[in-house]
């Protein structure tokens, strides 16, 4: 995920709000679809037979989505960008 470090605070806030909305849609879809799948599996008789084959991989993907959202929120990428930029500028200044 690349970030435009020159963007305005409004653009960054808009981007962050869009990421949050996307995460909420992912969580909502996960809950609704998996509840329906588990209901069908259990109501079909014989207990739980296959619903976990959908829930587990999708849950792992959702966990990565949540993790990416919160890691991006910590500003790691921004801090590393500033650090590496300062290093490159120092190299350039010392070469001159």
Protein backbone atom coordinates (compact mmCIF):
# COMPACT_ATOMS: atom_id res chain seq x y z
CA UNK A 1 0.00 0.00 0.00
CA UNK A 2 1.66 3.19 -1.11
CA UNK A 3 0.91 6.45 0.57
CA UNK A 4 1.11 9.92 -0.92
CA UNK A 5 3.27 11.74 1.60
CA UNK A 6 2.55 15.08 -0.05
CA UNK A 7 -1.24 14.80 0.30
CA UNK A 8 -3.38 17.10 2.39
CA UNK A 9 -4.75 16.14 5.81
CA UNK A 10 -8.23 16.04 4.26
CA UNK A 11 -7.12 13.55 1.60
CA UNK A 12 -5.44 11.35 4.20
CA UNK A 13 -8.54 11.48 6.41
CA UNK A 14 -10.74 10.59 3.43
CA UNK A 15 -8.47 7.64 2.58
CA UNK A 16 -8.51 6.45 6.20
CA UNK A 17 -12.31 6.70 6.38
CA UNK A 18 -12.60 4.69 3.16
CA UNK A 19 -10.28 1.99 4.56
CA UNK A 20 -12.37 1.85 7.76
CA UNK A 21 -15.61 1.52 5.78
CA UNK A 22 -14.08 -1.27 3.69
CA UNK A 23 -13.02 -3.12 6.83
CA UNK A 24 -16.48 -2.78 8.36
CA UNK A 25 -18.08 -4.14 5.18
CA UNK A 26 -15.68 -7.08 5.24
CA UNK A 27 -16.50 -7.86 8.88
CA UNK A 28 -20.26 -7.49 8.33
CA UNK A 29 -20.22 -9.70 5.26
CA UNK A 30 -18.13 -12.30 7.10
CA UNK A 31 -20.56 -12.45 10.02
CA UNK A 32 -23.75 -12.58 7.95
CA UNK A 33 -22.55 -15.09 5.34
CA UNK A 34 -20.88 -17.37 7.88
CA UNK A 35 -23.94 -17.34 10.17
CA UNK A 36 -26.05 -18.42 7.19
CA UNK A 37 -23.55 -21.12 6.17
CA UNK A 38 -23.34 -22.51 9.72
CA UNK A 39 -27.13 -22.49 9.97
CA UNK A 40 -27.45 -24.45 6.73
CA UNK A 41 -24.75 -26.92 7.79
CA UNK A 42 -26.28 -27.58 11.20
CA UNK A 43 -29.89 -27.61 9.95
CA UNK A 44 -28.93 -30.12 7.25
CA UNK A 45 -28.57 -32.77 9.93
CA UNK A 46 -25.52 -34.60 11.10
CA UNK A 47 -24.04 -31.62 12.93
CA UNK A 48 -21.23 -29.47 11.64
CA UNK A 49 -19.72 -31.11 8.57
CA UNK A 50 -18.30 -28.47 6.22
CA UNK A 51 -18.99 -24.91 7.40
CA UNK A 52 -15.57 -24.55 8.99
CA UNK A 53 -13.97 -25.01 5.56
CA UNK A 54 -15.39 -21.63 4.63
CA UNK A 55 -15.02 -19.88 7.98
CA UNK A 56 -11.38 -20.71 8.75
CA UNK A 57 -9.71 -19.48 5.52
CA UNK A 58 -12.00 -16.47 5.30
CA UNK A 59 -11.31 -15.72 8.98
CA UNK A 60 -7.58 -15.80 8.31
CA UNK A 61 -8.02 -13.38 5.42
CA UNK A 62 -10.15 -11.12 7.60
CA UNK A 63 -7.52 -11.21 10.36
CA UNK A 64 -4.91 -10.00 7.87
CA UNK A 65 -7.25 -7.23 6.75
CA UNK A 66 -7.72 -6.10 10.37
CA UNK A 67 -3.98 -6.35 11.01
CA UNK A 68 -3.16 -4.28 7.93
CA UNK A 69 -5.68 -1.65 9.00
CA UNK A 70 -4.22 -1.29 12.49
CA UNK A 71 -0.58 -1.45 11.38
CA UNK A 72 -1.24 1.32 8.88
CA UNK A 73 -2.86 3.31 11.69
CA UNK A 74 0.37 3.23 13.73
CA UNK A 75 2.19 5.24 11.06
CA UNK A 76 5.03 2.74 10.64
CA UNK A 77 5.24 3.40 6.91
CA UNK A 78 5.32 7.18 7.42
CA UNK A 79 8.08 6.96 10.07
CA UNK A 80 10.19 4.62 7.91
CA UNK A 81 9.71 6.88 4.90
CA UNK A 82 10.97 9.88 6.86
CA UNK A 83 13.92 7.90 8.24
CA UNK A 84 14.99 6.56 4.85
CA UNK A 85 14.49 9.95 3.21
CA UNK A 86 16.74 11.58 5.83
CA UNK A 87 19.37 8.86 5.26
CA UNK A 88 19.28 9.39 1.50
CA UNK A 89 19.54 13.16 1.91
CA UNK A 90 22.52 12.71 4.26
CA UNK A 91 24.22 10.45 1.69
CA UNK A 92 23.60 13.00 -1.03
CA UNK A 93 24.92 15.85 1.12
CA UNK A 94 28.06 13.91 2.04
CA UNK A 95 28.70 13.03 -1.62
CA UNK A 96 28.53 16.69 -2.64
